[in-house]
Protein backbone atom coordinates (compact mmCIF):
# COMPACT_ATOMS: atom_id res chain seq x y z
CA MET A 1 22.01 162.54 65.67
CA ARG A 2 22.84 161.41 69.19
CA LEU A 3 20.96 163.29 71.89
CA ALA A 4 22.77 164.93 74.75
CA PRO A 5 22.43 163.21 78.15
CA LEU A 6 19.20 164.10 79.91
CA LYS A 7 19.80 166.59 82.70
CA LEU A 8 18.17 165.47 85.94
CA ARG A 9 16.73 167.98 88.35
CA ARG A 10 18.14 168.25 91.85
CA GLY A 11 17.12 165.33 94.06
CA ASP A 12 15.40 163.38 91.26
CA ARG A 13 18.14 160.76 90.83
CA ALA A 14 17.55 159.37 94.31
CA LEU A 15 13.79 159.20 93.66
CA LEU A 16 14.27 157.49 90.31
CA GLU A 17 16.72 154.94 91.69
CA ALA A 18 14.35 154.19 94.55
CA ASP A 19 11.55 153.46 92.06
CA VAL A 20 13.81 151.15 90.05
CA ARG A 21 14.83 149.17 93.16
CA SER A 22 11.38 149.09 94.77
CA GLY A 23 9.46 145.86 94.76
CA THR A 24 6.14 147.55 95.47
CA VAL A 25 5.76 150.23 92.79
CA GLU A 26 3.94 149.39 89.54
CA ALA A 27 6.09 147.89 86.78
CA ARG A 28 5.38 150.82 84.45
CA THR A 29 6.57 153.29 87.12
CA ALA A 30 9.85 151.41 87.54
CA GLN A 31 10.24 151.19 83.76
CA ARG A 32 9.82 154.96 83.27
CA ALA A 33 12.30 155.64 86.06
CA ARG A 34 14.83 153.34 84.40
CA ILE A 35 14.32 155.05 81.02
CA THR A 36 15.01 158.44 82.61
CA LEU A 37 18.16 157.23 84.37
CA LEU A 38 19.53 155.63 81.20
CA ALA A 39 18.79 158.82 79.26
CA ALA A 40 20.65 160.78 81.93
CA ASP A 41 23.61 158.42 81.47
CA GLY A 42 23.78 159.33 77.78
CA TRP A 43 22.06 156.30 76.24
CA SER A 44 20.29 156.76 72.89
CA ASN A 45 16.55 156.24 72.59
CA ARG A 46 17.07 153.12 70.47
CA ASP A 47 19.49 151.55 72.97
CA ILE A 48 17.11 152.32 75.83
CA ALA A 49 14.20 150.86 73.85
CA ASP A 50 16.09 147.60 73.25
CA THR A 51 16.97 147.37 76.95
CA VAL A 52 13.56 148.08 78.48
CA GLY A 53 11.43 146.44 75.75
CA MET A 54 9.67 149.55 74.44
CA HIS A 55 9.47 151.29 71.05
CA TYR A 56 12.05 154.06 70.76
CA ASN A 57 9.34 156.62 69.91
CA GLN A 58 7.73 155.93 73.27
CA VAL A 59 11.11 156.32 74.97
CA GLY A 60 11.35 159.74 73.32
CA ILE A 61 7.96 160.68 74.74
CA TRP A 62 9.07 159.89 78.31
CA ARG A 63 12.34 161.76 77.78
CA LYS A 64 10.34 164.78 76.64
CA ARG A 65 7.85 164.44 79.50
CA TYR A 66 10.66 164.54 82.06
CA THR A 67 12.32 167.52 80.32
CA GLU A 68 9.07 169.51 80.49
CA PHE A 69 7.59 168.47 83.83
CA GLY A 70 10.36 166.78 85.78
CA PHE A 71 9.70 163.77 88.03
CA ALA A 72 5.96 164.51 88.15
CA GLY A 73 5.80 164.17 84.36
CA LEU A 74 6.44 160.42 84.60
CA GLY A 75 3.01 159.82 86.12
CA ASP A 76 -0.16 158.99 84.20
CA GLN A 77 -2.19 161.90 82.93
CA ASP A 78 -5.95 162.06 82.72
CA ARG A 79 -7.04 160.44 79.50
CA PRO A 80 -9.16 162.44 77.08
CA GLY A 81 -12.60 161.09 76.35
CA ARG A 82 -16.27 161.76 76.37
CA PRO A 83 -17.20 164.14 79.20
CA HIS A 84 -19.42 162.89 82.00
CA VAL A 85 -23.02 163.13 80.81
CA TYR A 86 -25.01 162.00 83.85
CA ASP A 87 -25.97 164.75 86.25
CA HIS A 88 -27.11 164.60 89.86
CA ASP A 89 -30.77 163.97 88.94
CA ASP A 90 -29.82 161.08 86.64
CA VAL A 91 -27.88 159.37 89.41
CA LEU A 92 -30.76 159.88 91.87
CA LEU A 93 -33.14 158.31 89.34
CA LEU A 94 -30.88 155.26 89.06
CA VAL A 95 -30.70 154.96 92.84
CA LYS A 96 -34.49 155.23 93.08
CA LEU A 97 -34.94 152.47 90.51
CA VAL A 98 -32.38 150.06 91.90
CA THR A 99 -33.68 150.35 95.49
CA GLU A 100 -37.22 149.40 94.43
CA PRO A 101 -38.50 146.12 92.94
CA PRO A 102 -38.34 145.88 89.13
CA PRO A 103 -41.57 146.89 87.37
CA ASP A 104 -42.02 143.51 85.66
CA SER A 105 -42.40 140.10 87.30
CA ALA A 106 -38.67 139.76 87.99
CA THR A 107 -37.40 139.73 91.57
CA ARG A 108 -34.02 141.38 91.04
CA TRP A 109 -32.39 143.97 88.85
CA THR A 110 -29.85 143.13 86.19
CA MET A 111 -27.67 145.86 84.74
CA ASP A 112 -29.30 145.38 81.33
CA ALA A 113 -32.77 145.81 82.85
CA LEU A 114 -31.60 148.85 84.80
CA ALA A 115 -30.19 150.44 81.64
CA GLU A 116 -33.48 149.80 79.82
CA ALA A 117 -35.44 151.35 82.68
CA MET A 118 -33.22 154.44 82.60
CA ALA A 119 -33.73 154.73 78.85
CA ALA A 120 -37.49 154.59 79.38
CA TYR A 121 -37.12 157.74 81.51
CA GLY A 122 -35.21 159.45 78.71
CA VAL A 123 -31.71 158.79 80.08
CA PRO A 124 -29.85 156.55 77.62
CA MET A 125 -27.33 154.39 79.45
CA SER A 126 -25.35 151.24 78.80
CA ALA A 127 -25.38 148.28 81.18
CA SER A 128 -21.68 148.79 81.89
CA GLN A 129 -22.28 152.44 82.81
CA ALA A 130 -25.14 151.43 85.12
CA TRP A 131 -22.78 148.96 86.78
CA ARG A 132 -20.06 151.61 87.20
CA ILE A 133 -22.47 154.04 88.83
CA CYS A 134 -23.79 151.33 91.17
CA LYS A 135 -20.24 150.34 92.07
CA SER A 136 -19.24 153.94 92.79
CA LEU A 137 -22.19 154.25 95.19
CA ASP A 138 -21.58 150.80 96.76
CA LEU A 139 -24.99 149.65 95.54
CA LYS A 140 -25.09 145.87 94.97
CA PRO A 141 -28.50 144.80 93.65
CA TRP A 142 -26.95 141.52 92.49
CA GLN A 143 -26.22 140.46 96.08
CA VAL A 144 -28.47 139.45 98.95
CA GLU A 145 -27.80 138.91 102.64
CA SER A 146 -30.08 137.10 105.07
CA TRP A 147 -30.69 137.49 108.75
CA MET A 148 -33.03 136.14 111.38
CA THR A 149 -34.73 138.46 113.86
CA SER A 150 -35.68 137.12 117.26
CA HIS A 151 -39.08 138.30 118.50
CA ASP A 152 -38.67 136.58 121.87
CA PRO A 153 -40.13 139.03 124.45
CA ASP A 154 -37.60 137.74 126.99
CA PHE A 155 -34.63 137.98 124.63
CA TRP A 156 -32.36 140.10 126.83
CA GLU A 157 -33.12 138.16 130.01
CA LYS A 158 -32.33 134.82 128.32
CA ALA A 159 -29.27 136.22 126.57
CA ALA A 160 -27.94 137.62 129.84
CA ASP A 161 -28.57 134.26 131.53
CA VAL A 162 -26.56 132.38 128.88
CA CYS A 163 -23.75 134.93 128.83
CA GLY A 164 -23.66 134.87 132.62
CA LEU A 165 -22.93 131.13 132.48
CA TYR A 166 -20.01 131.89 130.16
CA LEU A 167 -18.57 134.80 132.12
CA ASP A 168 -19.44 134.00 135.73
CA PRO A 169 -20.42 130.31 136.11
CA PRO A 170 -21.99 128.95 139.31
CA GLN A 171 -19.76 127.34 141.92
CA ASN A 172 -19.40 123.54 141.89
CA ALA A 173 -20.94 123.23 138.44
CA VAL A 174 -20.07 122.28 134.88
CA VAL A 175 -21.52 124.33 132.02
CA TRP A 176 -22.30 122.27 128.91
CA SER A 177 -23.25 123.87 125.60
CA VAL A 178 -25.49 121.25 123.97
CA ASP A 179 -27.00 120.85 120.50
CA GLU A 180 -27.53 118.48 117.58
CA LYS A 181 -26.16 118.62 114.06
CA SER A 182 -28.75 116.88 111.94
CA GLY A 183 -28.87 115.78 108.31
CA MET A 184 -25.19 114.86 108.03
CA GLN A 185 -24.91 112.94 104.77
CA ALA A 186 -22.62 109.95 104.33
CA LYS A 187 -21.63 110.63 100.72
CA SER A 188 -19.10 108.88 98.53
CA ARG A 189 -17.91 109.79 95.03
CA ILE A 190 -18.58 107.56 92.05
CA ASN A 191 -14.94 107.93 90.97
CA PRO A 192 -11.93 108.50 93.26
CA THR A 193 -11.03 112.06 94.21
CA LYS A 194 -7.67 113.21 92.85
CA PRO A 195 -5.29 114.83 95.36
CA THR A 196 -3.69 118.21 94.86
CA VAL A 197 -0.53 118.50 92.76
CA PRO A 198 1.59 121.57 91.98
CA GLY A 199 -0.52 123.93 89.89
CA LYS A 200 -3.81 122.09 90.45
CA PRO A 201 -6.24 121.96 93.39
CA VAL A 202 -7.92 118.84 94.70
CA ARG A 203 -10.27 117.56 91.99
CA ARG A 204 -13.36 115.48 92.57
CA GLU A 205 -16.27 114.38 90.46
CA PHE A 206 -19.51 116.27 90.89
CA GLU A 207 -21.68 113.16 91.04
CA TYR A 208 -21.89 111.35 94.36
CA LYS A 209 -23.73 108.49 96.04
CA ARG A 210 -25.87 108.97 99.16
CA ASN A 211 -25.26 106.34 101.83
CA GLY A 212 -27.64 107.60 104.51
CA THR A 213 -27.75 110.36 107.09
CA ALA A 214 -26.83 110.67 110.75
CA VAL A 215 -27.26 113.07 113.67
CA LEU A 216 -24.44 114.28 115.89
CA PHE A 217 -25.19 115.20 119.51
CA VAL A 218 -22.44 117.37 120.99
CA ALA A 219 -21.84 118.90 124.41
CA LEU A 220 -19.06 121.46 124.74
CA ASP A 221 -17.55 122.02 128.19
CA VAL A 222 -17.57 125.80 128.01
CA HIS A 223 -14.79 126.42 130.52
CA ASP A 224 -12.60 123.43 129.71
CA GLY A 225 -13.00 123.29 125.94
CA GLY A 226 -13.47 119.52 125.82
CA VAL A 227 -16.22 117.95 123.74
CA ALA A 228 -18.50 114.96 124.32
CA GLY A 229 -20.14 113.52 121.21
CA TRP A 230 -22.58 110.83 120.20
CA VAL A 231 -23.73 109.89 116.70
CA THR A 232 -27.24 108.51 116.31
CA ASP A 233 -30.11 108.35 113.82
CA SER A 234 -32.51 111.18 114.77
CA THR A 235 -33.13 114.22 116.94
CA LYS A 236 -36.09 112.65 118.77
CA SER A 237 -36.55 113.50 122.42
CA GLU A 238 -35.54 110.01 123.59
CA ASN A 239 -32.10 110.53 122.08
CA PHE A 240 -31.76 113.94 123.70
CA VAL A 241 -32.60 112.46 127.10
CA ALA A 242 -30.15 109.61 126.53
CA PHE A 243 -27.42 112.13 125.72
CA LEU A 244 -28.21 114.12 128.87
CA SER A 245 -27.88 110.88 130.83
CA GLU A 246 -24.46 110.32 129.30
CA LEU A 247 -23.42 113.82 130.36
CA VAL A 248 -24.51 113.06 133.91
CA HIS A 249 -22.29 109.97 133.90
CA GLN A 250 -19.33 111.97 132.54
CA THR A 251 -19.67 114.75 135.12
CA PRO A 252 -17.92 114.18 138.48
CA THR A 253 -20.23 113.38 141.36
CA GLY A 254 -21.32 116.38 143.42
CA LEU A 255 -21.29 118.89 140.56
CA ASP A 256 -24.37 120.49 139.06
CA LEU A 257 -24.89 120.41 135.30
CA HIS A 258 -25.98 123.59 133.53
CA CYS A 259 -26.86 122.77 129.93
CA ILE A 260 -27.40 125.52 127.34
CA ALA A 261 -29.79 124.41 124.58
CA ASP A 262 -31.86 125.96 121.83
CA ASN A 263 -35.63 125.80 121.43
CA LEU A 264 -35.95 122.60 119.37
CA SER A 265 -39.24 120.94 120.31
CA ALA A 266 -37.38 117.73 121.26
CA HIS A 267 -35.70 119.70 124.08
CA LYS A 268 -39.02 120.53 125.78
CA THR A 269 -41.04 117.32 125.82
CA ASP A 270 -42.58 115.50 128.78
CA LYS A 271 -39.69 113.02 128.64
CA VAL A 272 -37.24 115.88 129.20
CA SER A 273 -39.34 117.26 132.07
CA THR A 274 -39.41 113.80 133.69
CA PHE A 275 -35.65 113.47 133.36
CA LEU A 276 -35.07 116.89 134.95
CA ALA A 277 -37.40 116.02 137.83
CA GLU A 278 -35.40 112.82 138.42
CA HIS A 279 -32.09 114.71 138.22
CA PRO A 280 -32.56 117.97 140.15
CA HIS A 281 -28.86 118.83 139.75
CA VAL A 282 -29.35 119.14 135.97
CA HIS A 283 -30.54 122.56 134.72
CA ILE A 284 -31.38 123.53 131.14
CA HIS A 285 -30.99 127.15 130.04
CA TYR A 286 -32.73 127.91 126.75
CA THR A 287 -31.38 130.48 124.31
CA PRO A 288 -33.85 133.08 122.97
CA THR A 289 -35.81 131.96 119.94
CA HIS A 290 -33.89 132.31 116.66
CA ALA A 291 -30.69 132.97 118.61
CA SER A 292 -28.82 129.67 118.45
CA TRP A 293 -25.71 131.73 117.70
CA LEU A 294 -25.56 132.40 121.45
CA ASN A 295 -24.77 128.72 121.97
CA GLN A 296 -21.01 128.19 121.83
CA VAL A 297 -21.35 124.63 120.54
CA GLU A 298 -22.20 126.18 117.14
CA LEU A 299 -18.53 127.16 116.92
CA PHE A 300 -17.51 123.52 117.23
CA PHE A 301 -20.07 122.50 114.60
CA SER A 302 -18.45 125.00 112.26
CA ILE A 303 -15.06 123.38 112.87
CA VAL A 304 -16.46 119.90 112.17
CA GLU A 305 -18.13 121.12 108.99
CA ARG A 306 -15.03 122.82 107.62
CA ARG A 307 -12.43 120.25 108.62
CA LEU A 308 -14.28 116.96 108.24
CA LEU A 309 -17.70 116.99 106.63
CA ARG A 310 -17.45 119.43 103.73
CA ARG A 311 -14.89 117.39 101.81
CA GLY A 312 -15.42 114.09 103.56
CA GLU A 313 -16.30 110.91 101.70
CA PHE A 314 -17.98 108.13 103.70
CA ALA A 315 -19.11 104.74 102.40
CA SER A 316 -21.71 104.30 105.18
CA THR A 317 -23.21 105.99 108.21
CA ASP A 318 -21.08 103.71 110.38
CA GLU A 319 -17.92 105.04 108.74
CA LEU A 320 -19.23 108.59 109.15
CA ALA A 321 -19.82 107.97 112.86
CA GLU A 322 -16.36 106.43 113.34
CA ARG A 323 -14.64 109.35 111.61
CA ILE A 324 -16.56 111.91 113.68
CA ILE A 325 -15.74 110.21 116.99
CA ALA A 326 -12.09 109.93 115.95
CA PHE A 327 -12.09 113.62 115.06
CA ILE A 328 -13.56 114.52 118.48
CA LYS A 329 -10.94 112.41 120.30
CA ASP A 330 -8.17 114.14 118.37
CA TYR A 331 -9.76 117.56 119.00
CA ASN A 332 -9.93 116.90 122.75
CA ARG A 333 -6.17 116.28 122.95
CA ARG A 334 -5.54 120.00 122.40
CA ALA A 335 -8.94 121.55 123.14
CA LEU A 336 -9.08 125.01 124.66
CA PRO A 337 -12.13 127.06 125.67
CA PHE A 338 -13.40 129.61 123.19
CA ARG A 339 -12.83 133.24 124.06
CA TRP A 340 -16.30 134.73 124.46
CA THR A 341 -16.48 138.51 124.04
CA TYR A 342 -20.23 139.22 123.95
CA ASP A 343 -21.49 140.14 127.42
CA GLY A 344 -25.25 140.12 126.85
CA ARG A 345 -25.74 143.88 126.94
CA PRO A 346 -27.29 145.88 124.05
CA LEU A 347 -24.72 147.20 121.64
CA GLN A 348 -24.07 150.90 121.96
CA VAL A 349 -24.39 153.05 118.85
CA ALA A 350 -21.54 155.54 118.55
């Protein structure tokens, strides 16, 4: 027996047609809307089923759902199942456990261990349920984040000094942000790396050959954006002094040099003191301890790491040095100063 066309409620046709045309609704929502429209046009359940790719009994269910509940009946209903069995105290117990070290010699919780610990307190729980509760509370015992706290008693004074050079530099001066990137490995792959092709990323062999290490000295002109670089073999104080001498030669005569540096021991030796005494127009401003992030040159190091070193393959330290210098020359052709937004004042808590 052929069913009569489904009678749509006022205003529902426009809503159903919008769902069918939409490219953002879920596929099942669009499919149910199409079933309802076809039923309203007089199609049989079997014809609709063949068209939308669904069993005709299921088509009949959606026809019935619309007849009883209208447009709202096409949505998903709550599924029946086992009622929630964990009360407020059970959840608090889980939170207490997961925010403390495990009772055995382990250093982190797994969901299996957490479920076992809950069972020991008389609350049977599966590992998947423990994970769901942790996720609902945004508890992530499987993750760890690190930070470094500066205990420099003069932190704010030094931070304000550095930020002052960024925001309000002295007259007739150049501000250089200076640092070293050490331990750069010249690595090459045993077998050639395969380039990307449609459907596949770049592929490279895990095994590699070490061809030595190098150190990159960099000075970033804070207000111009240009970079001066020098590749050498170590971070020893003699190399730092030699790099400062190179900066003096690159800076126009008559300008002071204000160099921002971190607290590496090589930056504070007698050789450095002698150099500063011989060049009174050169001034070094040290960042607070454990606060190298205040030095803008770290931003350039991040660029070098991401764009050159991380995937780079170098047959020797000489090739590594040549590639770095070429990268710096190319970078300087379009270099712009970084936009610095931190002003050295304590953050305000809302």
